[in-house]
Amino acid sequence: MLVAPTGPGEEYFLAPEKLLLGNPKQTIWTQYKDPTEMFFAGLWRSEPGKWTVSYTEEEFCHMLEGTSIIASAQGPALRVTAGDSFVIPRGFVGTWEVVEQTTKRFVIYEAGA
C-alpha cells in the first residue's frame, strides 16, 4: 500500500547536460520496489526548471500538486496539473518543465535491455 511520504526522501539535482532552465532540486520517496528492481512506485517532487528527458521505462503518473509541461521532441506538449493522470511510454524523447513546484505519484516498469 502506498502512503504519504515520510522522512526527508532522497534529494538530488539533474546532470548539467540535461538542464535547459534553472537547477531544480528534486526529491524522490520510493515506497515500493519489487525483488527484480524493474517495477517500483513512490512520490517525486521537483522545484521549477526545465530539462531534457529520454525514457527507457514505462511510467504512469498521477499529479498531486503543481503544474508541469511535458513536450515531445516531435512537437505536441501536454500541460498537467493536480488531479491529472497520464502515461509516458518507453522511447519518449522531449522535455519536462516544472512551471510550479510539482509532486506526482509514479509507477515505473523498466524492462531492461
PDB file of N, CA and C in Angstrom:
ATOM      1  N   MET A   1       0.847  -1.188   0.000  1.00  0.00           N
ATOM      2  CA  MET A   1       0.000   0.000   0.000  1.00  0.00           C
ATOM      3  C   MET A   1       0.884   1.240   0.000  1.00  0.00           C
ATOM      4  N   LEU A   2       0.566   2.223  -0.839  1.00  0.00           N
ATOM      5  CA  LEU A   2       1.308   3.473  -0.893  1.00  0.00           C
ATOM      6  C   LEU A   2       0.712   4.468   0.086  1.00  0.00           C
ATOM      7  N   VAL A   3       1.588   5.144   0.784  1.00  0.00           N
ATOM      8  CA  VAL A   3       1.153   6.135   1.767  1.00  0.00           C
ATOM      9  C   VAL A   3       1.860   7.449   1.502  1.00  0.00           C
ATOM     10  N   ALA A   4       1.509   8.477   2.269  1.00  0.00           N
ATOM     11  CA  ALA A   4       2.161   9.778   2.137  1.00  0.00           C
ATOM     12  C   ALA A   4       3.648   9.629   2.449  1.00  0.00           C
ATOM     13  N   PRO A   5       4.483  10.496   1.862  1.00  0.00           N
ATOM     14  CA  PRO A   5       5.921  10.374   2.111  1.00  0.00           C
ATOM     15  C   PRO A   5       6.260  10.588   3.574  1.00  0.00           C
ATOM     16  N   THR A   6       7.230   9.826   4.029  1.00  0.00           N
ATOM     17  CA  THR A   6       7.730  10.005   5.379  1.00  0.00           C
ATOM     18  C   THR A   6       9.226  10.217   5.293  1.00  0.00           C
ATOM     19  N   GLY A   7       9.746  11.008   6.162  1.00  0.00           N
ATOM     20  CA  GLY A   7      11.171  11.284   6.151  1.00  0.00           C
ATOM     21  C   GLY A   7      11.532  12.279   5.058  1.00  0.00           C
ATOM     22  N   PRO A   8      12.802  12.577   4.967  1.00  0.00           N
ATOM     23  CA  PRO A   8      13.245  13.617   4.038  1.00  0.00           C
ATOM     24  C   PRO A   8      13.278  13.203   2.573  1.00  0.00           C
ATOM     25  N   GLY A   9      13.209  11.926   2.269  1.00  0.00           N
ATOM     26  CA  GLY A   9      13.316  11.485   0.884  1.00  0.00           C
ATOM     27  C   GLY A   9      14.757  11.594   0.413  1.00  0.00           C
ATOM     28  N   GLU A  10      14.984  11.213  -0.842  1.00  0.00           N
ATOM     29  CA  GLU A  10      16.315  11.278  -1.450  1.00  0.00           C
ATOM     30  C   GLU A  10      16.359  12.503  -2.348  1.00  0.00           C
ATOM     31  N   GLU A  11      17.138  13.523  -1.967  1.00  0.00           N
ATOM     32  CA  GLU A  11      17.243  14.754  -2.743  1.00  0.00           C
ATOM     33  C   GLU A  11      18.386  14.652  -3.738  1.00  0.00           C
ATOM     34  N   TYR A  12      18.184  15.247  -4.928  1.00  0.00           N
ATOM     35  CA  TYR A  12      19.229  15.225  -5.948  1.00  0.00           C
ATOM     36  C   TYR A  12      19.013  16.370  -6.934  1.00  0.00           C
ATOM     37  N   PHE A  13      20.034  16.629  -7.757  1.00  0.00           N
ATOM     38  CA  PHE A  13      19.971  17.600  -8.838  1.00  0.00           C
ATOM     39  C   PHE A  13      20.283  16.868 -10.135  1.00  0.00           C
ATOM     40  N   LEU A  14      19.747  17.363 -11.230  1.00  0.00           N
ATOM     41  CA  LEU A  14      19.952  16.733 -12.535  1.00  0.00           C
ATOM     42  C   LEU A  14      21.363  16.981 -13.053  1.00  0.00           C
ATOM     43  N   ALA A  15      21.803  16.107 -13.947  1.00  0.00           N
ATOM     44  CA  ALA A  15      23.098  16.290 -14.606  1.00  0.00           C
ATOM     45  C   ALA A  15      23.059  17.584 -15.407  1.00  0.00           C
ATOM     46  N   PRO A  16      24.125  18.380 -15.358  1.00  0.00           N
ATOM     47  CA  PRO A  16      24.141  19.680 -16.044  1.00  0.00           C
ATOM     48  C   PRO A  16      23.816  19.595 -17.536  1.00  0.00           C
ATOM     49  N   GLU A  17      24.214  18.514 -18.215  1.00  0.00           N
ATOM     50  CA  GLU A  17      23.952  18.407 -19.655  1.00  0.00           C
ATOM     51  C   GLU A  17      22.469  18.244 -19.986  1.00  0.00           C
ATOM     52  N   LYS A  18      21.624  17.920 -18.993  1.00  0.00           N
ATOM     53  CA  LYS A  18      20.181  17.789 -19.223  1.00  0.00           C
ATOM     54  C   LYS A  18      19.436  19.108 -18.998  1.00  0.00           C
ATOM     55  N   LEU A  19      20.038  20.026 -18.247  1.00  0.00           N
ATOM     56  CA  LEU A  19      19.351  21.252 -17.845  1.00  0.00           C
ATOM     57  C   LEU A  19      19.170  22.227 -19.000  1.00  0.00           C
ATOM     58  N   LEU A  20      17.952  22.775 -19.089  1.00  0.00           N
ATOM     59  CA  LEU A  20      17.645  23.813 -20.065  1.00  0.00           C
ATOM     60  C   LEU A  20      17.288  25.125 -19.386  1.00  0.00           C
ATOM     61  N   LEU A  21      16.759  25.046 -18.156  1.00  0.00           N
ATOM     62  CA  LEU A  21      16.338  26.219 -17.404  1.00  0.00           C
ATOM     63  C   LEU A  21      16.412  25.904 -15.918  1.00  0.00           C
ATOM     64  N   GLY A  22      17.116  26.717 -15.152  1.00  0.00           N
ATOM     65  CA  GLY A  22      17.201  26.531 -13.707  1.00  0.00           C
ATOM     66  C   GLY A  22      18.070  25.342 -13.323  1.00  0.00           C
ATOM     67  N   ASN A  23      17.992  25.006 -12.048  1.00  0.00           N
ATOM     68  CA  ASN A  23      18.686  23.843 -11.486  1.00  0.00           C
ATOM     69  C   ASN A  23      17.815  23.292 -10.362  1.00  0.00           C
ATOM     70  N   PRO A  24      16.676  22.706 -10.724  1.00  0.00           N
ATOM     71  CA  PRO A  24      15.693  22.322  -9.715  1.00  0.00           C
ATOM     72  C   PRO A  24      16.159  21.187  -8.802  1.00  0.00           C
ATOM     73  N   LYS A  25      15.944  21.403  -7.504  1.00  0.00           N
ATOM     74  CA  LYS A  25      16.153  20.307  -6.545  1.00  0.00           C
ATOM     75  C   LYS A  25      14.978  19.357  -6.703  1.00  0.00           C
ATOM     76  N   GLN A  26      15.278  18.057  -6.762  1.00  0.00           N
ATOM     77  CA  GLN A  26      14.240  17.048  -6.876  1.00  0.00           C
ATOM     78  C   GLN A  26      14.351  16.083  -5.705  1.00  0.00           C
ATOM     79  N   THR A  27      13.217  15.545  -5.302  1.00  0.00           N
ATOM     80  CA  THR A  27      13.164  14.619  -4.176  1.00  0.00           C
ATOM     81  C   THR A  27      12.322  13.425  -4.580  1.00  0.00           C
ATOM     82  N   ILE A  28      12.786  12.235  -4.209  1.00  0.00           N
ATOM     83  CA  ILE A  28      12.040  11.005  -4.504  1.00  0.00           C
ATOM     84  C   ILE A  28      11.867  10.214  -3.216  1.00  0.00           C
ATOM     85  N   TRP A  29      10.659   9.675  -3.052  1.00  0.00           N
ATOM     86  CA  TRP A  29      10.346   8.768  -1.964  1.00  0.00           C
ATOM     87  C   TRP A  29       9.943   7.445  -2.606  1.00  0.00           C
ATOM     88  N   THR A  30      10.818   6.473  -2.646  1.00  0.00           N
ATOM     89  CA  THR A  30      10.474   5.160  -3.200  1.00  0.00           C
ATOM     90  C   THR A  30       9.691   4.422  -2.127  1.00  0.00           C
ATOM     91  N   GLN A  31       8.464   4.021  -2.468  1.00  0.00           N
ATOM     92  CA  GLN A  31       7.583   3.388  -1.491  1.00  0.00           C
ATOM     93  C   GLN A  31       7.403   1.903  -1.748  1.00  0.00           C
ATOM     94  N   TYR A  32       7.761   1.461  -2.948  1.00  0.00           N
ATOM     95  CA  TYR A  32       7.679   0.032  -3.256  1.00  0.00           C
ATOM     96  C   TYR A  32       8.701  -0.283  -4.343  1.00  0.00           C
ATOM     97  N   LYS A  33       9.364  -1.419  -4.203  1.00  0.00           N
ATOM     98  CA  LYS A  33      10.282  -1.908  -5.231  1.00  0.00           C
ATOM     99  C   LYS A  33      10.193  -3.424  -5.219  1.00  0.00           C
ATOM    100  N   ASP A  34       9.954  -4.034  -6.394  1.00  0.00           N
ATOM    101  CA  ASP A  34       9.874  -5.493  -6.430  1.00  0.00           C
ATOM    102  C   ASP A  34      11.295  -6.080  -6.351  1.00  0.00           C
ATOM    103  N   PRO A  35      11.420  -7.386  -6.108  1.00  0.00           N
ATOM    104  CA  PRO A  35      12.740  -8.002  -5.952  1.00  0.00           C
ATOM    105  C   PRO A  35      13.650  -7.845  -7.177  1.00  0.00           C
ATOM    106  N   THR A  36      13.075  -7.709  -8.375  1.00  0.00           N
ATOM    107  CA  THR A  36      13.904  -7.549  -9.576  1.00  0.00           C
ATOM    108  C   THR A  36      14.374  -6.104  -9.756  1.00  0.00           C
ATOM    109  N   GLU A  37      13.772  -5.187  -9.017  1.00  0.00           N
ATOM    110  CA  GLU A  37      14.014  -3.747  -9.122  1.00  0.00           C
ATOM    111  C   GLU A  37      13.678  -3.198 -10.505  1.00  0.00           C
ATOM    112  N   MET A  38      12.794  -3.899 -11.206  1.00  0.00           N
ATOM    113  CA  MET A  38      12.332  -3.441 -12.517  1.00  0.00           C
ATOM    114  C   MET A  38      10.974  -2.738 -12.408  1.00  0.00           C
ATOM    115  N   PHE A  39      10.282  -2.905 -11.286  1.00  0.00           N
ATOM    116  CA  PHE A  39       8.970  -2.309 -11.052  1.00  0.00           C
ATOM    117  C   PHE A  39       9.024  -1.596  -9.712  1.00  0.00           C
ATOM    118  N   PHE A  40       8.729  -0.288  -9.724  1.00  0.00           N
ATOM    119  CA  PHE A  40       8.759   0.449  -8.463  1.00  0.00           C
ATOM    120  C   PHE A  40       7.789   1.620  -8.504  1.00  0.00           C
ATOM    121  N   ALA A  41       7.464   2.128  -7.322  1.00  0.00           N
ATOM    122  CA  ALA A  41       6.472   3.191  -7.199  1.00  0.00           C
ATOM    123  C   ALA A  41       6.828   4.094  -6.031  1.00  0.00           C
ATOM    124  N   GLY A  42       6.300   5.303  -6.084  1.00  0.00           N
ATOM    125  CA  GLY A  42       6.534   6.241  -4.996  1.00  0.00           C
ATOM    126  C   GLY A  42       6.060   7.632  -5.354  1.00  0.00           C
ATOM    127  N   LEU A  43       6.690   8.609  -4.715  1.00  0.00           N
ATOM    128  CA  LEU A  43       6.371  10.011  -4.943  1.00  0.00           C
ATOM    129  C   LEU A  43       7.619  10.736  -5.408  1.00  0.00           C
ATOM    130  N   TRP A  44       7.413  11.769  -6.234  1.00  0.00           N
ATOM    131  CA  TRP A  44       8.502  12.589  -6.764  1.00  0.00           C
ATOM    132  C   TRP A  44       8.079  14.040  -6.678  1.00  0.00           C
ATOM    133  N   ARG A  45       9.018  14.895  -6.298  1.00  0.00           N
ATOM    134  CA  ARG A  45       8.746  16.328  -6.215  1.00  0.00           C
ATOM    135  C   ARG A  45       9.898  17.079  -6.884  1.00  0.00           C
ATOM    136  N   SER A  46       9.566  18.170  -7.580  1.00  0.00           N
ATOM    137  CA  SER A  46      10.589  18.990  -8.224  1.00  0.00           C
ATOM    138  C   SER A  46      10.257  20.468  -8.083  1.00  0.00           C
ATOM    139  N   GLU A  47      11.315  21.248  -7.888  1.00  0.00           N
ATOM    140  CA  GLU A  47      11.215  22.699  -7.954  1.00  0.00           C
ATOM    141  C   GLU A  47      11.111  23.099  -9.432  1.00  0.00           C
ATOM    142  N   PRO A  48      10.735  24.359  -9.737  1.00  0.00           N
ATOM    143  CA  PRO A  48      10.648  24.802 -11.130  1.00  0.00           C
ATOM    144  C   PRO A  48      11.977  24.686 -11.878  1.00  0.00           C
ATOM    145  N   GLY A  49      11.872  24.345 -13.150  1.00  0.00           N
ATOM    146  CA  GLY A  49      13.023  24.199 -14.033  1.00  0.00           C
ATOM    147  C   GLY A  49      12.596  23.448 -15.284  1.00  0.00           C
ATOM    148  N   LYS A  50      13.531  23.266 -16.211  1.00  0.00           N
ATOM    149  CA  LYS A  50      13.245  22.557 -17.456  1.00  0.00           C
ATOM    150  C   LYS A  50      14.469  21.742 -17.846  1.00  0.00           C
ATOM    151  N   TRP A  51      14.225  20.509 -18.322  1.00  0.00           N
ATOM    152  CA  TRP A  51      15.322  19.620 -18.690  1.00  0.00           C
ATOM    153  C   TRP A  51      14.881  18.656 -19.783  1.00  0.00           C
ATOM    154  N   THR A  52      15.861  18.035 -20.415  1.00  0.00           N
ATOM    155  CA  THR A  52      15.573  17.037 -21.445  1.00  0.00           C
ATOM    156  C   THR A  52      15.296  15.689 -20.783  1.00  0.00           C
ATOM    157  N   VAL A  53      14.446  14.895 -21.437  1.00  0.00           N
ATOM    158  CA  VAL A  53      14.134  13.549 -20.960  1.00  0.00           C
ATOM    159  C   VAL A  53      14.222  12.576 -22.127  1.00  0.00           C
ATOM    160  N   SER A  54      14.600  11.351 -21.804  1.00  0.00           N
ATOM    161  CA  SER A  54      14.656  10.250 -22.773  1.00  0.00           C
ATOM    162  C   SER A  54      14.310   8.985 -21.996  1.00  0.00           C
ATOM    163  N   TYR A  55      13.088   8.499 -22.163  1.00  0.00           N
ATOM    164  CA  TYR A  55      12.574   7.408 -21.335  1.00  0.00           C
ATOM    165  C   TYR A  55      12.970   6.028 -21.854  1.00  0.00           C
ATOM    166  N   THR A  56      13.573   5.231 -20.982  1.00  0.00           N
ATOM    167  CA  THR A  56      13.838   3.819 -21.255  1.00  0.00           C
ATOM    168  C   THR A  56      12.819   2.959 -20.513  1.00  0.00           C
ATOM    169  N   GLU A  57      11.968   3.594 -19.720  1.00  0.00           N
ATOM    170  CA  GLU A  57      10.974   2.922 -18.895  1.00  0.00           C
ATOM    171  C   GLU A  57       9.566   3.328 -19.314  1.00  0.00           C
ATOM    172  N   GLU A  58       8.579   2.600 -18.803  1.00  0.00           N
ATOM    173  CA  GLU A  58       7.159   2.963 -18.911  1.00  0.00           C
ATOM    174  C   GLU A  58       6.806   3.605 -17.575  1.00  0.00           C
ATOM    175  N   GLU A  59       6.117   4.771 -17.600  1.00  0.00           N
ATOM    176  CA  GLU A  59       5.789   5.439 -16.336  1.00  0.00           C
ATOM    177  C   GLU A  59       4.345   5.919 -16.330  1.00  0.00           C
ATOM    178  N   PHE A  60       3.607   5.501 -15.292  1.00  0.00           N
ATOM    179  CA  PHE A  60       2.285   6.048 -15.007  1.00  0.00           C
ATOM    180  C   PHE A  60       2.482   7.148 -13.973  1.00  0.00           C
ATOM    181  N   CYS A  61       1.846   8.300 -14.194  1.00  0.00           N
ATOM    182  CA  CYS A  61       1.964   9.436 -13.281  1.00  0.00           C
ATOM    183  C   CYS A  61       0.571   9.917 -12.874  1.00  0.00           C
ATOM    184  N   HIS A  62       0.454  10.316 -11.624  1.00  0.00           N
ATOM    185  CA  HIS A  62      -0.752  10.983 -11.145  1.00  0.00           C
ATOM    186  C   HIS A  62      -0.289  12.243 -10.415  1.00  0.00           C
ATOM    187  N   MET A  63      -0.694  13.397 -10.924  1.00  0.00           N
ATOM    188  CA  MET A  63      -0.264  14.679 -10.372  1.00  0.00           C
ATOM    189  C   MET A  63      -1.005  14.984  -9.070  1.00  0.00           C
ATOM    190  N   LEU A  64      -0.229  15.309  -8.049  1.00  0.00           N
ATOM    191  CA  LEU A  64      -0.796  15.653  -6.754  1.00  0.00           C
ATOM    192  C   LEU A  64      -0.817  17.159  -6.514  1.00  0.00           C
ATOM    193  N   GLU A  65       0.193  17.870  -7.043  1.00  0.00           N
ATOM    194  CA  GLU A  65       0.229  19.331  -6.914  1.00  0.00           C
ATOM    195  C   GLU A  65       1.104  19.922  -8.014  1.00  0.00           C
ATOM    196  N   GLY A  66       0.860  21.203  -8.309  1.00  0.00           N
ATOM    197  CA  GLY A  66       1.714  21.931  -9.228  1.00  0.00           C
ATOM    198  C   GLY A  66       1.272  21.854 -10.673  1.00  0.00           C
ATOM    199  N   THR A  67       2.140  22.409 -11.532  1.00  0.00           N
ATOM    200  CA  THR A  67       1.904  22.441 -12.973  1.00  0.00           C
ATOM    201  C   THR A  67       3.199  22.101 -13.687  1.00  0.00           C
ATOM    202  N   SER A  68       3.127  21.200 -14.644  1.00  0.00           N
ATOM    203  CA  SER A  68       4.269  20.837 -15.481  1.00  0.00           C
ATOM    204  C   SER A  68       3.835  20.789 -16.933  1.00  0.00           C
ATOM    205  N   ILE A  69       4.810  20.956 -17.824  1.00  0.00           N
ATOM    206  CA  ILE A  69       4.574  20.827 -19.257  1.00  0.00           C
ATOM    207  C   ILE A  69       5.552  19.788 -19.783  1.00  0.00           C
ATOM    208  N   ILE A  70       5.007  18.733 -20.380  1.00  0.00           N
ATOM    209  CA  ILE A  70       5.816  17.662 -20.954  1.00  0.00           C
ATOM    210  C   ILE A  70       5.669  17.785 -22.468  1.00  0.00           C
ATOM    211  N   ALA A  71       6.797  18.020 -23.150  1.00  0.00           N
ATOM    212  CA  ALA A  71       6.749  18.256 -24.595  1.00  0.00           C
ATOM    213  C   ALA A  71       7.551  17.198 -25.325  1.00  0.00           C
ATOM    214  N   SER A  72       6.947  16.629 -26.347  1.00  0.00           N
ATOM    215  CA  SER A  72       7.611  15.650 -27.200  1.00  0.00           C
ATOM    216  C   SER A  72       8.578  16.359 -28.139  1.00  0.00           C
ATOM    217  N   ALA A  73       9.677  15.702 -28.479  1.00  0.00           N
ATOM    218  CA  ALA A  73      10.623  16.248 -29.452  1.00  0.00           C
ATOM    219  C   ALA A  73       9.944  16.435 -30.809  1.00  0.00           C
ATOM    220  N   GLN A  74       8.842  15.693 -31.058  1.00  0.00           N
ATOM    221  CA  GLN A  74       8.105  15.804 -32.316  1.00  0.00           C
ATOM    222  C   GLN A  74       7.082  16.946 -32.293  1.00  0.00           C
ATOM    223  N   GLY A  75       6.912  17.613 -31.134  1.00  0.00           N
ATOM    224  CA  GLY A  75       6.044  18.781 -31.148  1.00  0.00           C
ATOM    225  C   GLY A  75       4.980  18.887 -30.096  1.00  0.00           C
ATOM    226  N   PRO A  76       4.044  17.944 -29.984  1.00  0.00           N
ATOM    227  CA  PRO A  76       2.932  18.184 -29.064  1.00  0.00           C
ATOM    228  C   PRO A  76       3.389  18.263 -27.607  1.00  0.00           C
ATOM    229  N   ALA A  77       2.746  19.178 -26.871  1.00  0.00           N
ATOM    230  CA  ALA A  77       3.047  19.347 -25.449  1.00  0.00           C
ATOM    231  C   ALA A  77       1.788  19.057 -24.635  1.00  0.00           C
ATOM    232  N   LEU A  78       1.991  18.548 -23.428  1.00  0.00           N
ATOM    233  CA  LEU A  78       0.895  18.231 -22.522  1.00  0.00           C
ATOM    234  C   LEU A  78       1.104  19.028 -21.242  1.00  0.00           C
ATOM    235  N   ARG A  79       0.134  19.871 -20.900  1.00  0.00           N
ATOM    236  CA  ARG A  79       0.171  20.630 -19.648  1.00  0.00           C
ATOM    237  C   ARG A  79      -0.604  19.822 -18.611  1.00  0.00           C
ATOM    238  N   VAL A  80       0.031  19.510 -17.482  1.00  0.00           N
ATOM    239  CA  VAL A  80      -0.608  18.680 -16.468  1.00  0.00           C
ATOM    240  C   VAL A  80      -0.634  19.418 -15.133  1.00  0.00           C
ATOM    241  N   THR A  81      -1.734  19.222 -14.402  1.00  0.00           N
ATOM    242  CA  THR A  81      -1.926  19.854 -13.099  1.00  0.00           C
ATOM    243  C   THR A  81      -2.512  18.829 -12.131  1.00  0.00           C
ATOM    244  N   ALA A  82      -2.677  19.237 -10.878  1.00  0.00           N
ATOM    245  CA  ALA A  82      -3.192  18.350  -9.839  1.00  0.00           C
ATOM    246  C   ALA A  82      -4.472  17.654 -10.310  1.00  0.00           C
ATOM    247  N   GLY A  83      -4.502  16.335 -10.112  1.00  0.00           N
ATOM    248  CA  GLY A  83      -5.651  15.522 -10.494  1.00  0.00           C
ATOM    249  C   GLY A  83      -5.483  14.811 -11.829  1.00  0.00           C
ATOM    250  N   ASP A  84      -4.543  15.271 -12.659  1.00  0.00           N
ATOM    251  CA  ASP A  84      -4.317  14.640 -13.960  1.00  0.00           C
ATOM    252  C   ASP A  84      -3.518  13.350 -13.819  1.00  0.00           C
ATOM    253  N   SER A  85      -3.851  12.369 -14.643  1.00  0.00           N
ATOM    254  CA  SER A  85      -3.112  11.108 -14.724  1.00  0.00           C
ATOM    255  C   SER A  85      -2.725  10.879 -16.177  1.00  0.00           C
ATOM    256  N   PHE A  86      -1.553  10.298 -16.406  1.00  0.00           N
ATOM    257  CA  PHE A  86      -1.075  10.064 -17.760  1.00  0.00           C
ATOM    258  C   PHE A  86       0.024   9.010 -17.735  1.00  0.00           C
ATOM    259  N   VAL A  87       0.360   8.500 -18.921  1.00  0.00           N
ATOM    260  CA  VAL A  87       1.431   7.518 -19.077  1.00  0.00           C
ATOM    261  C   VAL A  87       2.468   8.091 -20.025  1.00  0.00           C
ATOM    262  N   ILE A  88       3.740   7.939 -19.673  1.00  0.00           N
ATOM    263  CA  ILE A  88       4.839   8.284 -20.568  1.00  0.00           C
ATOM    264  C   ILE A  88       5.422   6.959 -21.050  1.00  0.00           C
ATOM    265  N   PRO A  89       5.376   6.701 -22.360  1.00  0.00           N
ATOM    266  CA  PRO A  89       5.826   5.409 -22.877  1.00  0.00           C
ATOM    267  C   PRO A  89       7.348   5.332 -23.021  1.00  0.00           C
ATOM    268  N   ARG A  90       7.839   4.110 -22.981  1.00  0.00           N
ATOM    269  CA  ARG A  90       9.252   3.856 -23.277  1.00  0.00           C
ATOM    270  C   ARG A  90       9.552   4.428 -24.657  1.00  0.00           C
ATOM    271  N   GLY A  91      10.706   5.093 -24.792  1.00  0.00           N
ATOM    272  CA  GLY A  91      11.089   5.686 -26.062  1.00  0.00           C
ATOM    273  C   GLY A  91      10.729   7.155 -26.202  1.00  0.00           C
ATOM    274  N   PHE A  92       9.946   7.698 -25.262  1.00  0.00           N
ATOM    275  CA  PHE A  92       9.576   9.113 -25.325  1.00  0.00           C
ATOM    276  C   PHE A  92      10.828   9.973 -25.173  1.00  0.00           C
ATOM    277  N   VAL A  93      10.980  10.961 -26.064  1.00  0.00           N
ATOM    278  CA  VAL A  93      12.089  11.909 -26.010  1.00  0.00           C
ATOM    279  C   VAL A  93      11.500  13.303 -26.082  1.00  0.00           C
ATOM    280  N   GLY A  94      11.952  14.189 -25.207  1.00  0.00           N
ATOM    281  CA  GLY A  94      11.439  15.553 -25.215  1.00  0.00           C
ATOM    282  C   GLY A  94      11.957  16.334 -24.029  1.00  0.00           C
ATOM    283  N   THR A  95      11.069  17.172 -23.465  1.00  0.00           N
ATOM    284  CA  THR A  95      11.438  17.982 -22.308  1.00  0.00           C
ATOM    285  C   THR A  95      10.358  17.882 -21.233  1.00  0.00           C
ATOM    286  N   TRP A  96      10.785  18.098 -19.992  1.00  0.00           N
ATOM    287  CA  TRP A  96       9.866  18.214 -18.858  1.00  0.00           C
ATOM    288  C   TRP A  96      10.146  19.570 -18.238  1.00  0.00           C
ATOM    289  N   GLU A  97       9.098  20.389 -18.129  1.00  0.00           N
ATOM    290  CA  GLU A  97       9.231  21.696 -17.492  1.00  0.00           C
ATOM    291  C   GLU A  97       8.303  21.774 -16.300  1.00  0.00           C
ATOM    292  N   VAL A  98       8.856  22.056 -15.136  1.00  0.00           N
ATOM    293  CA  VAL A  98       8.060  22.295 -13.941  1.00  0.00           C
ATOM    294  C   VAL A  98       7.833  23.802 -13.863  1.00  0.00           C
ATOM    295  N   VAL A  99       6.577  24.218 -14.042  1.00  0.00           N
ATOM    296  CA  VAL A  99       6.199  25.624 -14.011  1.00  0.00           C
ATOM    297  C   VAL A  99       5.977  26.057 -12.561  1.00  0.00           C
ATOM    298  N   GLU A 100       5.260  25.236 -11.800  1.00  0.00           N
ATOM    299  CA  GLU A 100       5.039  25.425 -10.369  1.00  0.00           C
ATOM    300  C   GLU A 100       5.470  24.137  -9.693  1.00  0.00           C
ATOM    301  N   GLN A 101       6.073  24.243  -8.501  1.00  0.00           N
ATOM    302  CA  GLN A 101       6.545  23.026  -7.815  1.00  0.00           C
ATOM    303  C   GLN A 101       5.543  21.902  -8.030  1.00  0.00           C
ATOM    304  N   THR A 102       6.051  20.770  -8.455  1.00  0.00           N
ATOM    305  CA  THR A 102       5.213  19.633  -8.827  1.00  0.00           C
ATOM    306  C   THR A 102       5.512  18.441  -7.944  1.00  0.00           C
ATOM    307  N   THR A 103       4.434  17.775  -7.511  1.00  0.00           N
ATOM    308  CA  THR A 103       4.540  16.493  -6.825  1.00  0.00           C
ATOM    309  C   THR A 103       3.658  15.517  -7.583  1.00  0.00           C
ATOM    310  N   LYS A 104       4.216  14.344  -7.868  1.00  0.00           N
ATOM    311  CA  LYS A 104       3.441  13.320  -8.573  1.00  0.00           C
ATOM    312  C   LYS A 104       3.646  11.969  -7.901  1.00  0.00           C
ATOM    313  N   ARG A 105       2.642  11.125  -8.023  1.00  0.00           N
ATOM    314  CA  ARG A 105       2.771   9.717  -7.672  1.00  0.00           C
ATOM    315  C   ARG A 105       3.172   9.020  -8.962  1.00  0.00           C
ATOM    316  N   PHE A 106       4.152   8.122  -8.885  1.00  0.00           N
ATOM    317  CA  PHE A 106       4.611   7.432 -10.086  1.00  0.00           C
ATOM    318  C   PHE A 106       4.634   5.927  -9.869  1.00  0.00           C
ATOM    319  N   VAL A 107       4.458   5.214 -10.975  1.00  0.00           N
ATOM    320  CA  VAL A 107       4.625   3.772 -11.031  1.00  0.00           C
ATOM    321  C   VAL A 107       5.449   3.517 -12.297  1.00  0.00           C
ATOM    322  N   ILE A 108       6.605   2.864 -12.143  1.00  0.00           N
ATOM    323  CA  ILE A 108       7.542   2.669 -13.250  1.00  0.00           C
ATOM    324  C   ILE A 108       7.832   1.189 -13.472  1.00  0.00           C
ATOM    325  N   TYR A 109       7.838   0.803 -14.742  1.00  0.00           N
ATOM    326  CA  TYR A 109       8.306  -0.514 -15.148  1.00  0.00           C
ATOM    327  C   TYR A 109       9.471  -0.320 -16.097  1.00  0.00           C
ATOM    328  N   GLU A 110      10.630  -0.819 -15.731  1.00  0.00           N
ATOM    329  CA  GLU A 110      11.840  -0.738 -16.541  1.00  0.00           C
ATOM    330  C   GLU A 110      12.149  -2.150 -17.024  1.00  0.00           C
ATOM    331  N   ALA A 111      11.870  -2.415 -18.309  1.00  0.00           N
ATOM    332  CA  ALA A 111      12.024  -3.758 -18.847  1.00  0.00           C
ATOM    333  C   ALA A 111      13.473  -4.201 -18.940  1.00  0.00           C
ATOM    334  N   GLY A 112      14.399  -3.265 -18.971  1.00  0.00           N
ATOM    335  CA  GLY A 112      15.808  -3.617 -19.120  1.00  0.00           C
ATOM    336  C   GLY A 112      16.169  -3.741 -20.587  1.00  0.00           C
ATOM    337  N   ALA A 113      17.414  -4.092 -20.813  1.00  0.00           N
ATOM    338  CA  ALA A 113      17.918  -4.148 -22.188  1.00  0.00           C
ATOM    339  C   ALA A 113      17.420  -5.360 -22.939  1.00  0.00           C
TER     340      ALA A 113
END
